[in-house]
PDB file of N, CA and C in Angstrom:
ATOM      1  N   MET A   1      80.867  73.131 103.284  1.00  0.00           N
ATOM      2  CA  MET A   1      81.697  74.063 102.538  1.00  0.00           C
ATOM      3  C   MET A   1      83.003  74.321 103.272  1.00  0.00           C
ATOM      4  N   GLY A   2      82.929  74.679 104.554  1.00  0.00           N
ATOM      5  CA  GLY A   2      84.150  74.939 105.275  1.00  0.00           C
ATOM      6  C   GLY A   2      83.905  75.774 106.508  1.00  0.00           C
ATOM      7  N   ARG A   3      84.981  76.291 107.009  1.00  0.00           N
ATOM      8  CA  ARG A   3      84.919  77.098 108.228  1.00  0.00           C
ATOM      9  C   ARG A   3      85.550  78.453 107.993  1.00  0.00           C
ATOM     10  N   ILE A   4      85.068  79.417 108.756  1.00  0.00           N
ATOM     11  CA  ILE A   4      85.607  80.770 108.737  1.00  0.00           C
ATOM     12  C   ILE A   4      86.187  81.014 110.121  1.00  0.00           C
ATOM     13  N   HIS A   5      87.456  81.381 110.166  1.00  0.00           N
ATOM     14  CA  HIS A   5      88.118  81.629 111.443  1.00  0.00           C
ATOM     15  C   HIS A   5      88.245  83.126 111.691  1.00  0.00           C
ATOM     16  N   GLY A   6      87.601  83.598 112.740  1.00  0.00           N
ATOM     17  CA  GLY A   6      87.738  84.986 113.157  1.00  0.00           C
ATOM     18  C   GLY A   6      86.731  85.936 112.528  1.00  0.00           C
ATOM     19  N   ILE A   7      86.525  87.035 113.216  1.00  0.00           N
ATOM     20  CA  ILE A   7      85.549  88.041 112.788  1.00  0.00           C
ATOM     21  C   ILE A   7      85.971  88.725 111.494  1.00  0.00           C
ATOM     22  N   LYS A   8      87.241  89.031 111.353  1.00  0.00           N
ATOM     23  CA  LYS A   8      87.711  89.711 110.128  1.00  0.00           C
ATOM     24  C   LYS A   8      87.407  88.873 108.889  1.00  0.00           C
ATOM     25  N   ASN A   9      87.640  87.578 108.978  1.00  0.00           N
ATOM     26  CA  ASN A   9      87.345  86.695 107.842  1.00  0.00           C
ATOM     27  C   ASN A   9      85.845  86.580 107.608  1.00  0.00           C
ATOM     28  N   LEU A  10      85.060  86.624 108.691  1.00  0.00           N
ATOM     29  CA  LEU A  10      83.608  86.601 108.534  1.00  0.00           C
ATOM     30  C   LEU A  10      83.133  87.862 107.821  1.00  0.00           C
ATOM     31  N   ILE A  11      83.697  89.005 108.170  1.00  0.00           N
ATOM     32  CA  ILE A  11      83.344  90.262 107.503  1.00  0.00           C
ATOM     33  C   ILE A  11      83.601  90.150 106.004  1.00  0.00           C
ATOM     34  N   THR A  12      84.748  89.617 105.628  1.00  0.00           N
ATOM     35  CA  THR A  12      85.090  89.434 104.213  1.00  0.00           C
ATOM     36  C   THR A  12      84.091  88.500 103.533  1.00  0.00           C
ATOM     37  N   TYR A  13      83.767  87.402 104.198  1.00  0.00           N
ATOM     38  CA  TYR A  13      82.808  86.451 103.629  1.00  0.00           C
ATOM     39  C   TYR A  13      81.446  87.097 103.448  1.00  0.00           C
ATOM     40  N   LEU A  14      80.969  87.810 104.452  1.00  0.00           N
ATOM     41  CA  LEU A  14      79.648  88.432 104.370  1.00  0.00           C
ATOM     42  C   LEU A  14      79.587  89.473 103.247  1.00  0.00           C
ATOM     43  N   LYS A  15      80.674  90.195 103.036  1.00  0.00           N
ATOM     44  CA  LYS A  15      80.718  91.136 101.906  1.00  0.00           C
ATOM     45  C   LYS A  15      80.594  90.379 100.591  1.00  0.00           C
ATOM     46  N   SER A  16      81.211  89.207 100.506  1.00  0.00           N
ATOM     47  CA  SER A  16      81.196  88.437  99.256  1.00  0.00           C
ATOM     48  C   SER A  16      79.806  87.895  98.933  1.00  0.00           C
ATOM     49  N   VAL A  17      78.953  87.740  99.943  1.00  0.00           N
ATOM     50  CA  VAL A  17      77.585  87.255  99.712  1.00  0.00           C
ATOM     51  C   VAL A  17      76.575  88.398  99.798  1.00  0.00           C
ATOM     52  N   ASP A  18      77.089  89.619  99.690  1.00  0.00           N
ATOM     53  CA  ASP A  18      76.257  90.821  99.665  1.00  0.00           C
ATOM     54  C   ASP A  18      75.408  90.971 100.929  1.00  0.00           C
ATOM     55  N   TYR A  19      76.028  90.706 102.075  1.00  0.00           N
ATOM     56  CA  TYR A  19      75.385  90.930 103.365  1.00  0.00           C
ATOM     57  C   TYR A  19      76.428  91.531 104.318  1.00  0.00           C
ATOM     58  N   PRO A  20      76.886  92.753 103.997  1.00  0.00           N
ATOM     59  CA  PRO A  20      77.967  93.341 104.788  1.00  0.00           C
ATOM     60  C   PRO A  20      77.515  93.739 106.193  1.00  0.00           C
ATOM     61  N   LEU A  21      78.349  93.418 107.160  1.00  0.00           N
ATOM     62  CA  LEU A  21      78.141  93.812 108.544  1.00  0.00           C
ATOM     63  C   LEU A  21      79.450  94.354 109.094  1.00  0.00           C
ATOM     64  N   SER A  22      79.348  95.243 110.056  1.00  0.00           N
ATOM     65  CA  SER A  22      80.538  95.786 110.702  1.00  0.00           C
ATOM     66  C   SER A  22      80.975  94.851 111.832  1.00  0.00           C
ATOM     67  N   GLU A  23      82.175  95.052 112.298  1.00  0.00           N
ATOM     68  CA  GLU A  23      82.679  94.262 113.419  1.00  0.00           C
ATOM     69  C   GLU A  23      81.803  94.493 114.650  1.00  0.00           C
ATOM     70  N   GLN A  24      81.364  95.719 114.838  1.00  0.00           N
ATOM     71  CA  GLN A  24      80.507  96.062 115.974  1.00  0.00           C
ATOM     72  C   GLN A  24      79.171  95.309 115.895  1.00  0.00           C
ATOM     73  N   GLU A  25      78.588  95.245 114.706  1.00  0.00           N
ATOM     74  CA  GLU A  25      77.327  94.513 114.541  1.00  0.00           C
ATOM     75  C   GLU A  25      77.510  93.021 114.834  1.00  0.00           C
ATOM     76  N   ILE A  26      78.596  92.458 114.329  1.00  0.00           N
ATOM     77  CA  ILE A  26      78.869  91.037 114.564  1.00  0.00           C
ATOM     78  C   ILE A  26      79.074  90.780 116.048  1.00  0.00           C
ATOM     79  N   ASN A  27      79.815  91.652 116.719  1.00  0.00           N
ATOM     80  CA  ASN A  27      80.016  91.493 118.163  1.00  0.00           C
ATOM     81  C   ASN A  27      78.687  91.544 118.913  1.00  0.00           C
ATOM     82  N   GLY A  28      77.765  92.380 118.454  1.00  0.00           N
ATOM     83  CA  GLY A  28      76.437  92.436 119.057  1.00  0.00           C
ATOM     84  C   GLY A  28      75.696  91.122 118.903  1.00  0.00           C
ATOM     85  N   PHE A  29      75.776  90.526 117.712  1.00  0.00           N
ATOM     86  CA  PHE A  29      75.149  89.225 117.480  1.00  0.00           C
ATOM     87  C   PHE A  29      75.813  88.140 118.334  1.00  0.00           C
ATOM     88  N   LEU A  30      77.133  88.227 118.485  1.00  0.00           N
ATOM     89  CA  LEU A  30      77.841  87.255 119.322  1.00  0.00           C
ATOM     90  C   LEU A  30      77.418  87.378 120.780  1.00  0.00           C
ATOM     91  N   GLU A  31      77.330  88.607 121.279  1.00  0.00           N
ATOM     92  CA  GLU A  31      76.914  88.825 122.667  1.00  0.00           C
ATOM     93  C   GLU A  31      75.493  88.330 122.902  1.00  0.00           C
ATOM     94  N   ALA A  32      74.625  88.547 121.919  1.00  0.00           N
ATOM     95  CA  ALA A  32      73.232  88.101 122.027  1.00  0.00           C
ATOM     96  C   ALA A  32      73.081  86.607 121.726  1.00  0.00           C
ATOM     97  N   LYS A  33      74.174  85.993 121.280  1.00  0.00           N
ATOM     98  CA  LYS A  33      74.183  84.568 120.909  1.00  0.00           C
ATOM     99  C   LYS A  33      73.150  84.263 119.831  1.00  0.00           C
ATOM    100  N   THR A  34      73.066  85.153 118.848  1.00  0.00           N
ATOM    101  CA  THR A  34      72.108  84.965 117.761  1.00  0.00           C
ATOM    102  C   THR A  34      72.765  84.625 116.434  1.00  0.00           C
ATOM    103  N   ILE A  35      74.086  84.548 116.406  1.00  0.00           N
ATOM    104  CA  ILE A  35      74.789  84.132 115.194  1.00  0.00           C
ATOM    105  C   ILE A  35      75.499  82.811 115.507  1.00  0.00           C
ATOM    106  N   PRO A  36      75.345  81.807 114.649  1.00  0.00           N
ATOM    107  CA  PRO A  36      75.960  80.505 114.947  1.00  0.00           C
ATOM    108  C   PRO A  36      77.486  80.580 114.921  1.00  0.00           C
ATOM    109  N   HIS A  37      78.098  80.093 115.984  1.00  0.00           N
ATOM    110  CA  HIS A  37      79.555  80.110 116.091  1.00  0.00           C
ATOM    111  C   HIS A  37      79.989  79.123 117.166  1.00  0.00           C
ATOM    112  N   SER A  38      81.284  78.894 117.214  1.00  0.00           N
ATOM    113  CA  SER A  38      81.858  78.112 118.306  1.00  0.00           C
ATOM    114  C   SER A  38      83.163  78.769 118.726  1.00  0.00           C
ATOM    115  N   ARG A  39      83.551  78.478 119.937  1.00  0.00           N
ATOM    116  CA  ARG A  39      84.824  78.967 120.487  1.00  0.00           C
ATOM    117  C   ARG A  39      85.592  77.750 120.988  1.00  0.00           C
ATOM    118  N   PRO A  40      86.337  77.101 120.083  1.00  0.00           N
ATOM    119  CA  PRO A  40      87.011  75.859 120.463  1.00  0.00           C
ATOM    120  C   PRO A  40      88.061  76.026 121.563  1.00  0.00           C
ATOM    121  N   TYR A  41      88.720  77.176 121.597  1.00  0.00           N
ATOM    122  CA  TYR A  41      89.664  77.448 122.674  1.00  0.00           C
ATOM    123  C   TYR A  41      90.048  78.920 122.648  1.00  0.00           C
ATOM    124  N   GLY A  42      90.318  79.442 123.820  1.00  0.00           N
ATOM    125  CA  GLY A  42      90.750  80.834 123.932  1.00  0.00           C
ATOM    126  C   GLY A  42      89.794  81.803 123.266  1.00  0.00           C
ATOM    127  N   ASP A  43      90.388  82.752 122.562  1.00  0.00           N
ATOM    128  CA  ASP A  43      89.607  83.778 121.885  1.00  0.00           C
ATOM    129  C   ASP A  43      89.246  83.418 120.450  1.00  0.00           C
ATOM    130  N   LEU A  44      89.606  82.227 119.995  1.00  0.00           N
ATOM    131  CA  LEU A  44      89.320  81.819 118.626  1.00  0.00           C
ATOM    132  C   LEU A  44      87.821  81.629 118.428  1.00  0.00           C
ATOM    133  N   ILE A  45      87.277  82.281 117.410  1.00  0.00           N
ATOM    134  CA  ILE A  45      85.868  82.132 117.057  1.00  0.00           C
ATOM    135  C   ILE A  45      85.805  81.485 115.683  1.00  0.00           C
ATOM    136  N   VAL A  46      85.001  80.432 115.568  1.00  0.00           N
ATOM    137  CA  VAL A  46      84.879  79.698 114.312  1.00  0.00           C
ATOM    138  C   VAL A  46      83.419  79.712 113.877  1.00  0.00           C
ATOM    139  N   PHE A  47      83.222  79.991 112.587  1.00  0.00           N
ATOM    140  CA  PHE A  47      81.891  80.016 111.993  1.00  0.00           C
ATOM    141  C   PHE A  47      81.843  78.947 110.907  1.00  0.00           C
ATOM    142  N   GLU A  48      80.848  78.064 110.956  1.00  0.00           N
ATOM    143  CA  GLU A  48      80.645  77.075 109.903  1.00  0.00           C
ATOM    144  C   GLU A  48      79.953  77.773 108.734  1.00  0.00           C
ATOM    145  N   CYS A  49      80.495  77.650 107.534  1.00  0.00           N
ATOM    146  CA  CYS A  49      79.924  78.334 106.368  1.00  0.00           C
ATOM    147  C   CYS A  49      78.454  77.980 106.148  1.00  0.00           C
ATOM    148  N   SER A  50      78.120  76.707 106.271  1.00  0.00           N
ATOM    149  CA  SER A  50      76.723  76.309 106.036  1.00  0.00           C
ATOM    150  C   SER A  50      75.792  76.947 107.061  1.00  0.00           C
ATOM    151  N   HIS A  51      76.247  77.085 108.292  1.00  0.00           N
ATOM    152  CA  HIS A  51      75.434  77.716 109.326  1.00  0.00           C
ATOM    153  C   HIS A  51      75.291  79.217 109.062  1.00  0.00           C
ATOM    154  N   ILE A  52      76.360  79.834 108.604  1.00  0.00           N
ATOM    155  CA  ILE A  52      76.300  81.268 108.301  1.00  0.00           C
ATOM    156  C   ILE A  52      75.405  81.508 107.093  1.00  0.00           C
ATOM    157  N   GLU A  53      75.460  80.658 106.086  1.00  0.00           N
ATOM    158  CA  GLU A  53      74.563  80.797 104.931  1.00  0.00           C
ATOM    159  C   GLU A  53      73.106  80.730 105.382  1.00  0.00           C
ATOM    160  N   TRP A  54      72.795  79.761 106.256  1.00  0.00           N
ATOM    161  CA  TRP A  54      71.441  79.623 106.792  1.00  0.00           C
ATOM    162  C   TRP A  54      71.052  80.880 107.560  1.00  0.00           C
ATOM    163  N   TRP A  55      71.959  81.376 108.407  1.00  0.00           N
ATOM    164  CA  TRP A  55      71.696  82.545 109.239  1.00  0.00           C
ATOM    165  C   TRP A  55      71.456  83.786 108.376  1.00  0.00           C
ATOM    166  N   VAL A  56      72.252  83.983 107.326  1.00  0.00           N
ATOM    167  CA  VAL A  56      72.073  85.121 106.423  1.00  0.00           C
ATOM    168  C   VAL A  56      70.698  85.040 105.760  1.00  0.00           C
ATOM    169  N   ASP A  57      70.313  83.868 105.299  1.00  0.00           N
ATOM    170  CA  ASP A  57      68.977  83.701 104.705  1.00  0.00           C
ATOM    171  C   ASP A  57      67.888  84.055 105.710  1.00  0.00           C
ATOM    172  N   LEU A  58      68.054  83.620 106.941  1.00  0.00           N
ATOM    173  CA  LEU A  58      67.090  83.925 107.997  1.00  0.00           C
ATOM    174  C   LEU A  58      67.001  85.438 108.226  1.00  0.00           C
ATOM    175  N   GLN A  59      68.159  86.108 108.284  1.00  0.00           N
ATOM    176  CA  GLN A  59      68.171  87.558 108.499  1.00  0.00           C
ATOM    177  C   GLN A  59      67.500  88.292 107.341  1.00  0.00           C
ATOM    178  N   ARG A  60      67.782  87.858 106.129  1.00  0.00           N
ATOM    179  CA  ARG A  60      67.160  88.484 104.964  1.00  0.00           C
ATOM    180  C   ARG A  60      65.654  88.310 104.997  1.00  0.00           C
ATOM    181  N   ASN A  61      65.182  87.141 105.388  1.00  0.00           N
ATOM    182  CA  ASN A  61      63.737  86.896 105.492  1.00  0.00           C
ATOM    183  C   ASN A  61      63.104  87.797 106.541  1.00  0.00           C
ATOM    184  N   LYS A  62      63.778  87.953 107.687  1.00  0.00           N
ATOM    185  CA  LYS A  62      63.268  88.837 108.745  1.00  0.00           C
ATOM    186  C   LYS A  62      63.172  90.278 108.241  1.00  0.00           C
ATOM    187  N   GLU A  63      64.211  90.723 107.528  1.00  0.00           N
ATOM    188  CA  GLU A  63      64.234  92.101 107.012  1.00  0.00           C
ATOM    189  C   GLU A  63      63.140  92.336 105.989  1.00  0.00           C
ATOM    190  N   SER A  64      62.867  91.346 105.156  1.00  0.00           N
ATOM    191  CA  SER A  64      61.857  91.527 104.103  1.00  0.00           C
ATOM    192  C   SER A  64      60.445  91.552 104.690  1.00  0.00           C
ATOM    193  N   LYS A  65      60.260  90.951 105.865  1.00  0.00           N
ATOM    194  CA  LYS A  65      58.941  90.930 106.496  1.00  0.00           C
ATOM    195  C   LYS A  65      58.676  92.158 107.339  1.00  0.00           C
ATOM    196  N   SER A  66      59.715  92.922 107.673  1.00  0.00           N
ATOM    197  CA  SER A  66      59.504  94.089 108.520  1.00  0.00           C
ATOM    198  C   SER A  66      59.391  95.367 107.724  1.00  0.00           C
TER     199      SER A  66
END
């Protein structure tokens, strides 16, 4: 599908798929290394859409089981 550049764009994308998260929550996932991402250089963070779709499905499954 494509790539999402930066946390702000990820927030917008997650809202569009009805899985809203705050910047603070995303930073927590980044620190824990539990959200798929890459840092090709400097402070740039890139999220692959297909990986984020998979991750959102995984999170929803975890939430429904708890």
